[in-house]
Amino acid sequence: MKRSASGLMAASAFLLATAFGHAAEPFNLAIPLPLTGGQAKFGEMMKRSYEMAAEEINAKGGVKGRKIVLSFEDSQAKPDSARAIVEKLIDVKKQPLIVGEYTSACAKAVAAVANERKTPYLIVASADDSITQQNYKYVFRQNVPNAYYAQGLVSFLREKVQPKTMAILYESSDFGTSGAADMEKWAGKLGCKVLVKEKYEKGAVDFKPILSKVKQAAPDVLFMVSYVMDASLLMKQIKELRLDAKLYAGGAAGFALPEFVDNAKDAAEYVMTATLWTPQVKYKGAKEYADKYKAKYGDFPSYHGASAYSALHVVHDALSRAKSMKSEDITEALKKTKLQTAYGPVAFEDKDGYQNQCFSETFVLQVQAGEHETVWPYAYANKKFIYPFPRWRDRK
């Protein structure tokens, strides 16, 4: 009888494990990011934000009862590495969707592989316009493309600055090149003449030759598209040269990071930058995410972190609605996304030559008393903007 009872219990346990075993299996999601090298700061911020989101999602039951288990693959911001990582994830690990990367060059490489393998790919922070202009069915982008990055800044220029002349400096990456080209187009629409447009190689240490050219041209506005170390060094050397302009502005990226202020010190004061999100923005969950991140890591996150955090919630939403965990069903669910996130509303559209692209409002930050403050649009501002900028000789 004891054997019979114990056998029955074992059989029952086996049947229960079989019935619910699939639900108990974790959903493994490996994410490619630059965790070493020059872009590691962005990768680390995004990694932390993904982990925060996974913790919240799992605390509420995960995806259909399955815990999301994250792992991260270091692409070092190298397109070939990113491509190899994603080929392994799709072909060997059989991962049904891809999320992540940071640089546009890496995202381009990943997008081509994912679309070829018919695997949905959610881009979180890569901005080169062309990535979502390839008629790719399986590639989705949550952040706006470069052509829309500076919408908030352009609105400020149009309504408050009305510049007659501009200089544009940019890093020779896909992001820098497309960002500079887009601002040049906006300048034309504003009736603003571009006097200088110069690119530089990543990691340059002496910007004074091109800055001297800008100083001689004396533009109303100096617009720069740079990553954080270059952005900091540019402003330090602008201060050294006493290069005066009515407004210095960044095209997001490095200028929107807390490290820009930390590195450039007082040379960062008054600088404005385009951004896709701010800790002060009035989206549901934005303040909670920003405060939680700062309490844990010591600094407020930039839009890169907010986008990563929200992207995992978008993934959770799509997986929860998908008919199955197959790539085709996940793709169909992503296409139908309509979700309010801490990063803002997320929905994917085919519009203006883009496919599966999310479009959202952008903002302007200004460094005031050593802190990034939201100054534009008025509806989102927590501080009044300071313009025109004081001349270097008039600063204390």
Protein backbone atom coordinates (compact mmCIF):
# COMPACT_ATOMS: atom_id res chain seq x y z
CA MET A 1 0.00 0.00 0.00
CA LYS A 2 2.87 2.35 0.91
CA ARG A 3 4.54 1.61 -2.41
CA SER A 4 1.27 2.20 -4.22
CA ALA A 5 0.68 5.49 -2.40
CA SER A 6 4.22 6.69 -2.97
CA GLY A 7 4.02 5.67 -6.60
CA LEU A 8 0.76 7.55 -7.00
CA MET A 9 2.30 10.65 -5.43
CA ALA A 10 5.32 10.43 -7.71
CA ALA A 11 3.10 10.02 -10.75
CA SER A 12 0.99 12.98 -9.67
CA ALA A 13 4.09 15.09 -9.15
CA PHE A 14 5.35 14.11 -12.60
CA LEU A 15 2.03 15.01 -14.22
CA LEU A 16 1.93 18.36 -12.43
CA ALA A 17 5.50 19.11 -13.45
CA THR A 18 4.69 18.19 -17.03
CA ALA A 19 1.54 20.28 -17.05
CA PHE A 20 3.13 23.35 -15.53
CA GLY A 21 6.77 22.86 -16.45
CA HIS A 22 6.57 25.11 -19.50
CA ALA A 23 5.06 27.91 -17.46
CA ALA A 24 7.90 27.57 -14.96
CA GLU A 25 10.63 27.78 -17.59
CA PRO A 26 12.26 31.21 -17.64
CA PHE A 27 12.16 33.39 -20.73
CA ASN A 28 15.85 33.91 -21.45
CA LEU A 29 16.72 37.17 -23.16
CA ALA A 30 20.31 38.01 -24.06
CA ILE A 31 20.92 41.66 -24.95
CA PRO A 32 23.90 42.96 -26.97
CA LEU A 33 25.41 46.18 -25.58
CA PRO A 34 28.74 48.03 -25.51
CA LEU A 35 29.94 47.13 -22.01
CA THR A 36 33.61 47.91 -22.61
CA GLY A 37 35.28 50.52 -24.81
CA GLY A 38 34.38 54.10 -25.57
CA GLN A 39 30.59 53.69 -25.40
CA ALA A 40 30.52 51.56 -22.24
CA LYS A 41 28.95 54.38 -20.21
CA PHE A 42 25.82 54.19 -22.33
CA GLY A 43 25.83 50.40 -22.26
CA GLU A 44 26.10 50.30 -18.47
CA MET A 45 23.24 52.76 -18.00
CA MET A 46 21.04 50.74 -20.33
CA LYS A 47 22.02 47.44 -18.68
CA ARG A 48 21.04 48.76 -15.25
CA SER A 49 17.73 50.00 -16.62
CA TYR A 50 16.89 46.69 -18.30
CA GLU A 51 17.61 44.95 -15.00
CA MET A 52 15.37 47.34 -13.07
CA ALA A 53 12.51 46.68 -15.49
CA ALA A 54 13.01 42.89 -15.36
CA GLU A 55 12.89 42.98 -11.57
CA GLU A 56 9.57 44.85 -11.65
CA ILE A 57 8.07 42.60 -14.34
CA ASN A 58 9.10 39.42 -12.53
CA ALA A 59 7.68 40.71 -9.24
CA LYS A 60 4.30 40.88 -10.99
CA GLY A 61 4.44 37.37 -12.42
CA GLY A 62 6.74 37.72 -15.43
CA VAL A 63 5.50 36.84 -18.92
CA LYS A 64 2.55 34.46 -18.73
CA GLY A 65 3.99 33.07 -15.53
CA ARG A 66 7.54 32.84 -16.92
CA LYS A 67 10.33 34.78 -15.26
CA ILE A 68 12.41 36.99 -17.57
CA VAL A 69 16.08 36.12 -17.13
CA LEU A 70 18.44 38.65 -18.70
CA SER A 71 22.03 38.20 -19.80
CA PHE A 72 24.25 40.64 -21.65
CA GLU A 73 26.73 40.25 -24.51
CA ASP A 74 29.51 42.82 -24.93
CA SER A 75 29.69 44.08 -28.52
CA GLN A 76 32.30 46.74 -27.62
CA ALA A 77 30.39 49.03 -30.02
CA LYS A 78 31.84 47.05 -32.95
CA PRO A 79 29.37 46.19 -35.74
CA ASP A 80 31.09 42.90 -36.58
CA SER A 81 30.88 41.82 -32.94
CA ALA A 82 27.24 42.85 -32.71
CA ARG A 83 26.45 40.89 -35.87
CA ALA A 84 28.22 37.76 -34.60
CA ILE A 85 26.44 37.96 -31.24
CA VAL A 86 23.01 38.23 -32.84
CA GLU A 87 23.68 35.44 -35.34
CA LYS A 88 24.54 33.19 -32.39
CA LEU A 89 21.45 34.26 -30.42
CA ILE A 90 19.13 33.56 -33.35
CA ASP A 91 20.77 30.55 -35.00
CA VAL A 92 22.14 28.71 -31.96
CA LYS A 93 20.19 29.94 -28.94
CA LYS A 94 16.95 30.17 -30.94
CA GLN A 95 16.05 33.45 -29.22
CA PRO A 96 12.74 34.59 -30.78
CA LEU A 97 13.41 38.34 -30.59
CA ILE A 98 16.32 40.74 -30.25
CA VAL A 99 16.48 43.89 -28.14
CA GLY A 100 19.24 46.40 -27.66
CA GLU A 101 22.52 47.77 -28.96
CA TYR A 102 23.49 51.41 -28.75
CA THR A 103 25.47 52.78 -31.69
CA SER A 104 23.79 53.23 -35.05
CA ALA A 105 26.53 51.25 -36.79
CA CYS A 106 25.85 48.24 -34.54
CA ALA A 107 22.08 48.59 -34.86
CA LYS A 108 22.40 48.63 -38.66
CA ALA A 109 24.34 45.37 -38.56
CA VAL A 110 21.87 43.76 -36.15
CA ALA A 111 18.84 44.97 -38.13
CA ALA A 112 20.13 43.37 -41.33
CA VAL A 113 20.68 40.02 -39.60
CA ALA A 114 17.38 40.07 -37.72
CA ASN A 115 15.34 40.93 -40.78
CA GLU A 116 17.09 38.28 -42.87
CA ARG A 117 16.38 35.69 -40.14
CA LYS A 118 12.76 36.93 -39.78
CA THR A 119 13.31 37.70 -36.11
CA PRO A 120 11.79 40.85 -34.56
CA TYR A 121 14.34 43.42 -33.41
CA LEU A 122 13.45 46.30 -31.07
CA ILE A 123 15.89 49.21 -31.37
CA VAL A 124 16.15 51.23 -28.19
CA ALA A 125 18.66 54.07 -28.70
CA SER A 126 20.19 54.01 -32.20
CA ALA A 127 19.17 57.01 -34.28
CA ASP A 128 20.52 56.86 -37.85
CA ASP A 129 17.49 57.64 -40.03
CA SER A 130 18.23 54.93 -42.58
CA ILE A 131 17.79 52.03 -40.14
CA THR A 132 13.99 52.17 -40.34
CA GLN A 133 13.89 53.23 -43.99
CA GLN A 134 14.80 49.82 -45.46
CA ASN A 135 11.28 48.35 -45.66
CA TYR A 136 12.29 45.87 -42.99
CA LYS A 137 9.26 43.98 -41.71
CA TYR A 138 10.92 42.72 -38.53
CA VAL A 139 12.77 45.87 -37.34
CA PHE A 140 11.07 48.22 -34.86
CA ARG A 141 12.49 51.41 -33.35
CA GLN A 142 11.28 52.91 -30.08
CA ASN A 143 13.40 56.10 -30.09
CA VAL A 144 12.79 58.73 -32.73
CA PRO A 145 15.24 58.85 -35.66
CA ASN A 146 17.88 61.56 -36.00
CA ALA A 147 15.69 63.74 -38.20
CA TYR A 148 13.35 64.17 -35.22
CA TYR A 149 15.92 64.40 -32.40
CA ALA A 150 16.16 68.17 -32.55
CA GLN A 151 12.46 68.97 -33.00
CA GLY A 152 12.23 70.52 -29.54
CA LEU A 153 15.49 72.42 -30.04
CA VAL A 154 14.42 73.65 -33.47
CA SER A 155 11.14 74.84 -31.96
CA PHE A 156 13.15 76.81 -29.39
CA LEU A 157 15.40 78.27 -32.09
CA ARG A 158 12.39 79.28 -34.17
CA GLU A 159 10.38 80.85 -31.36
CA LYS A 160 13.06 82.34 -29.10
CA VAL A 161 16.40 82.64 -30.89
CA GLN A 162 15.63 83.25 -34.57
CA PRO A 163 19.31 82.80 -35.51
CA LYS A 164 20.70 84.20 -38.73
CA THR A 165 23.86 82.09 -38.76
CA MET A 166 25.05 78.72 -37.44
CA ALA A 167 28.13 76.50 -37.26
CA ILE A 168 27.82 72.69 -37.08
CA LEU A 169 30.51 70.39 -35.68
CA TYR A 170 30.00 66.63 -35.60
CA GLU A 171 31.66 63.31 -34.94
CA SER A 172 32.22 61.21 -38.05
CA SER A 173 29.97 58.34 -36.96
CA ASP A 174 26.64 57.37 -38.53
CA PHE A 175 24.89 59.19 -35.68
CA GLY A 176 27.02 62.34 -35.96
CA THR A 177 26.84 62.51 -39.74
CA SER A 178 23.08 62.08 -39.99
CA GLY A 179 22.47 64.43 -37.04
CA ALA A 180 24.53 67.18 -38.65
CA ALA A 181 22.80 66.70 -42.01
CA ASP A 182 19.38 66.90 -40.38
CA MET A 183 20.26 70.11 -38.50
CA GLU A 184 21.57 71.64 -41.72
CA LYS A 185 18.16 70.98 -43.30
CA TRP A 186 16.38 72.49 -40.29
CA ALA A 187 18.64 75.55 -40.49
CA GLY A 188 17.58 76.06 -44.10
CA LYS A 189 13.93 75.95 -43.07
CA LEU A 190 14.64 78.52 -40.36
CA GLY A 191 16.32 80.86 -42.85
CA CYS A 192 19.59 80.37 -40.96
CA LYS A 193 22.85 80.28 -42.93
CA VAL A 194 25.35 77.54 -42.03
CA LEU A 195 28.75 79.28 -42.07
CA VAL A 196 30.86 76.30 -40.98
CA LYS A 197 30.15 72.57 -41.12
CA GLU A 198 33.07 70.43 -39.96
CA LYS A 199 33.43 66.80 -38.94
CA TYR A 200 36.09 65.34 -36.67
CA GLU A 201 37.29 61.85 -35.89
CA LYS A 202 36.15 60.16 -32.70
CA GLY A 203 38.63 60.55 -29.86
CA ALA A 204 40.21 63.75 -31.19
CA VAL A 205 42.03 65.71 -28.50
CA ASP A 206 42.68 69.03 -30.21
CA PHE A 207 39.61 70.82 -31.54
CA LYS A 208 41.24 74.25 -31.62
CA PRO A 209 41.91 74.35 -35.40
CA ILE A 210 38.22 73.88 -36.26
CA LEU A 211 37.09 75.98 -33.30
CA SER A 212 39.32 78.82 -34.49
CA LYS A 213 37.55 78.62 -37.84
CA VAL A 214 34.20 78.84 -36.01
CA LYS A 215 35.41 81.80 -33.92
CA GLN A 216 36.41 83.65 -37.06
CA ALA A 217 32.99 83.01 -38.63
CA ALA A 218 31.24 84.26 -35.44
CA PRO A 219 27.92 82.36 -35.81
CA ASP A 220 24.88 83.05 -33.66
CA VAL A 221 24.56 79.35 -32.80
CA LEU A 222 27.13 76.58 -32.48
CA PHE A 223 25.50 73.15 -32.81
CA MET A 224 27.50 70.00 -31.98
CA VAL A 225 26.79 66.27 -32.32
CA SER A 226 29.21 64.42 -30.05
CA TYR A 227 29.60 61.63 -27.55
CA VAL A 228 30.34 62.53 -23.95
CA MET A 229 34.15 62.84 -23.83
CA ASP A 230 34.25 64.83 -27.07
CA ALA A 231 31.35 67.03 -25.93
CA SER A 232 33.18 67.83 -22.69
CA LEU A 233 36.48 68.56 -24.43
CA LEU A 234 34.82 70.74 -27.05
CA MET A 235 33.28 72.98 -24.40
CA LYS A 236 36.53 73.19 -22.43
CA GLN A 237 38.40 74.35 -25.52
CA ILE A 238 35.59 76.73 -26.50
CA LYS A 239 36.07 78.34 -23.10
CA GLU A 240 39.87 78.46 -23.52
CA LEU A 241 39.50 80.19 -26.90
CA ARG A 242 36.79 82.54 -25.57
CA LEU A 243 34.65 81.54 -28.53
CA ASP A 244 31.44 83.49 -27.97
CA ALA A 245 28.05 82.60 -29.45
CA LYS A 246 24.51 83.46 -28.46
CA LEU A 247 23.84 79.76 -27.94
CA TYR A 248 25.85 76.52 -27.73
CA ALA A 249 23.71 73.44 -28.33
CA GLY A 250 24.22 69.69 -28.47
CA GLY A 251 22.35 67.14 -30.52
CA ALA A 252 21.62 64.90 -27.50
CA ALA A 253 24.00 61.90 -26.96
CA GLY A 254 26.98 63.05 -24.84
CA PHE A 255 25.58 66.47 -24.05
CA ALA A 256 22.57 64.93 -22.29
CA LEU A 257 24.60 62.78 -19.86
CA PRO A 258 25.41 63.82 -16.29
CA GLU A 259 29.07 63.02 -17.11
CA PHE A 260 29.11 65.93 -19.56
CA VAL A 261 28.65 68.37 -16.69
CA ASP A 262 31.02 66.41 -14.44
CA ASN A 263 33.78 66.50 -17.07
CA ALA A 264 33.31 69.95 -18.60
CA LYS A 265 32.76 71.63 -15.21
CA ASP A 266 31.93 75.34 -15.53
CA ALA A 267 32.45 75.22 -19.31
CA ALA A 268 29.17 73.29 -19.46
CA GLU A 269 27.17 76.09 -17.85
CA TYR A 270 24.25 77.40 -19.98
CA VAL A 271 24.82 74.78 -22.72
CA MET A 272 21.56 73.49 -24.18
CA THR A 273 20.95 70.10 -25.70
CA ALA A 274 18.23 68.25 -27.50
CA THR A 275 17.00 65.20 -25.60
CA LEU A 276 14.35 62.53 -26.03
CA TRP A 277 13.40 62.36 -22.34
CA THR A 278 14.13 64.08 -19.06
CA PRO A 279 13.78 63.02 -15.41
CA GLN A 280 11.26 65.86 -15.00
CA VAL A 281 9.00 64.81 -17.87
CA LYS A 282 5.38 64.22 -16.89
CA TYR A 283 4.92 60.67 -18.16
CA LYS A 284 3.39 58.11 -15.82
CA GLY A 285 6.18 56.20 -14.09
CA ALA A 286 8.96 58.53 -15.28
CA LYS A 287 9.62 60.15 -11.91
CA GLU A 288 9.48 56.83 -10.11
CA TYR A 289 11.99 55.28 -12.51
CA ALA A 290 14.32 58.31 -12.34
CA ASP A 291 14.21 58.51 -8.54
CA LYS A 292 14.74 54.77 -8.15
CA TYR A 293 17.70 54.84 -10.55
CA LYS A 294 19.30 57.79 -8.75
CA ALA A 295 18.79 56.21 -5.33
CA LYS A 296 20.50 53.05 -6.56
CA TYR A 297 23.29 54.49 -8.73
CA GLY A 298 23.82 58.09 -7.58
CA ASP A 299 22.86 59.98 -10.77
CA PHE A 300 19.70 60.60 -12.71
CA PRO A 301 19.64 58.57 -15.95
CA SER A 302 19.55 60.11 -19.41
CA TYR A 303 17.07 59.17 -22.15
CA HIS A 304 19.17 56.13 -23.04
CA GLY A 305 18.36 54.52 -19.71
CA ALA A 306 14.68 55.51 -19.79
CA SER A 307 14.30 54.04 -23.25
CA ALA A 308 15.93 50.76 -22.22
CA TYR A 309 13.81 50.53 -19.08
CA SER A 310 10.63 51.14 -21.06
CA ALA A 311 11.68 48.84 -23.91
CA LEU A 312 11.57 45.83 -21.63
CA HIS A 313 8.04 46.81 -20.60
CA VAL A 314 7.19 47.03 -24.32
CA VAL A 315 8.63 43.53 -24.79
CA HIS A 316 6.62 42.27 -21.83
CA ASP A 317 3.45 43.79 -23.28
CA ALA A 318 4.06 42.27 -26.72
CA LEU A 319 4.93 38.82 -25.36
CA SER A 320 1.84 38.88 -23.14
CA ARG A 321 -0.36 39.57 -26.18
CA ALA A 322 1.43 37.28 -28.65
CA LYS A 323 -0.35 34.06 -29.64
CA SER A 324 2.88 32.15 -29.07
CA MET A 325 6.56 32.71 -28.42
CA LYS A 326 7.34 32.27 -32.11
CA SER A 327 9.00 35.15 -33.92
CA GLU A 328 6.11 35.73 -36.33
CA ASP A 329 3.58 36.03 -33.51
CA ILE A 330 5.84 38.37 -31.52
CA THR A 331 6.31 40.51 -34.64
CA GLU A 332 2.55 40.75 -35.08
CA ALA A 333 2.11 41.73 -31.42
CA LEU A 334 4.82 44.41 -31.61
CA LYS A 335 3.15 45.91 -34.67
CA LYS A 336 -0.04 46.39 -32.62
CA THR A 337 1.69 47.99 -29.63
CA LYS A 338 -0.05 50.95 -28.02
CA LEU A 339 1.53 51.41 -24.61
CA GLN A 340 2.08 54.29 -22.20
CA THR A 341 5.54 53.98 -20.66
CA ALA A 342 7.88 56.01 -18.46
CA TYR A 343 9.60 56.98 -21.73
CA GLY A 344 6.31 58.16 -23.25
CA PRO A 345 3.69 56.66 -25.55
CA VAL A 346 4.97 53.81 -27.71
CA ALA A 347 3.32 52.80 -30.99
CA PHE A 348 4.96 51.79 -34.25
CA GLU A 349 3.94 53.50 -37.50
CA ASP A 350 4.78 53.49 -41.17
CA LYS A 351 5.09 57.22 -41.92
CA ASP A 352 7.28 59.73 -43.76
CA GLY A 353 9.35 56.96 -45.33
CA TYR A 354 9.93 55.11 -42.04
CA GLN A 355 8.64 51.65 -41.17
CA ASN A 356 7.76 50.38 -37.68
CA GLN A 357 8.94 53.67 -36.23
CA CYS A 358 7.79 55.27 -32.97
CA PHE A 359 7.38 59.06 -33.07
CA SER A 360 7.33 61.10 -29.86
CA GLU A 361 7.91 64.60 -28.56
CA THR A 362 11.46 65.79 -27.86
CA PHE A 363 12.77 68.28 -25.31
CA VAL A 364 15.51 70.79 -24.48
CA LEU A 365 17.80 70.64 -21.47
CA GLN A 366 20.00 73.47 -20.25
CA VAL A 367 22.83 73.27 -17.73
CA GLN A 368 22.03 75.67 -14.90
CA ALA A 369 24.12 75.79 -11.71
CA GLY A 370 25.75 72.52 -12.71
CA GLU A 371 22.52 70.57 -13.29
CA HIS A 372 20.55 69.58 -16.38
CA GLU A 373 17.19 71.32 -16.23
CA THR A 374 14.25 70.95 -18.60
CA VAL A 375 13.59 74.34 -20.22
CA TRP A 376 11.52 73.57 -23.36
CA PRO A 377 8.71 73.08 -24.33
CA TYR A 378 7.01 75.25 -21.71
CA ALA A 379 4.54 72.48 -20.84
CA TYR A 380 7.37 70.28 -19.58
CA ALA A 381 9.82 72.90 -18.27
CA ASN A 382 10.87 72.88 -14.64
CA LYS A 383 13.14 75.94 -15.02
CA LYS A 384 13.07 79.09 -17.18
CA PHE A 385 15.66 79.11 -19.94
CA ILE A 386 18.62 81.52 -19.87
CA TYR A 387 19.23 83.21 -23.22
CA PRO A 388 21.29 84.77 -24.72
CA PHE A 389 24.31 83.16 -23.10
CA PRO A 390 26.67 85.57 -21.32
CA ARG A 391 30.00 86.23 -23.01
CA TRP A 392 32.96 84.40 -21.49
CA ARG A 393 34.55 87.62 -20.24
CA ASP A 394 31.37 88.49 -18.36
CA ARG A 395 31.19 85.22 -16.49
CA LYS A 396 32.49 84.96 -12.95
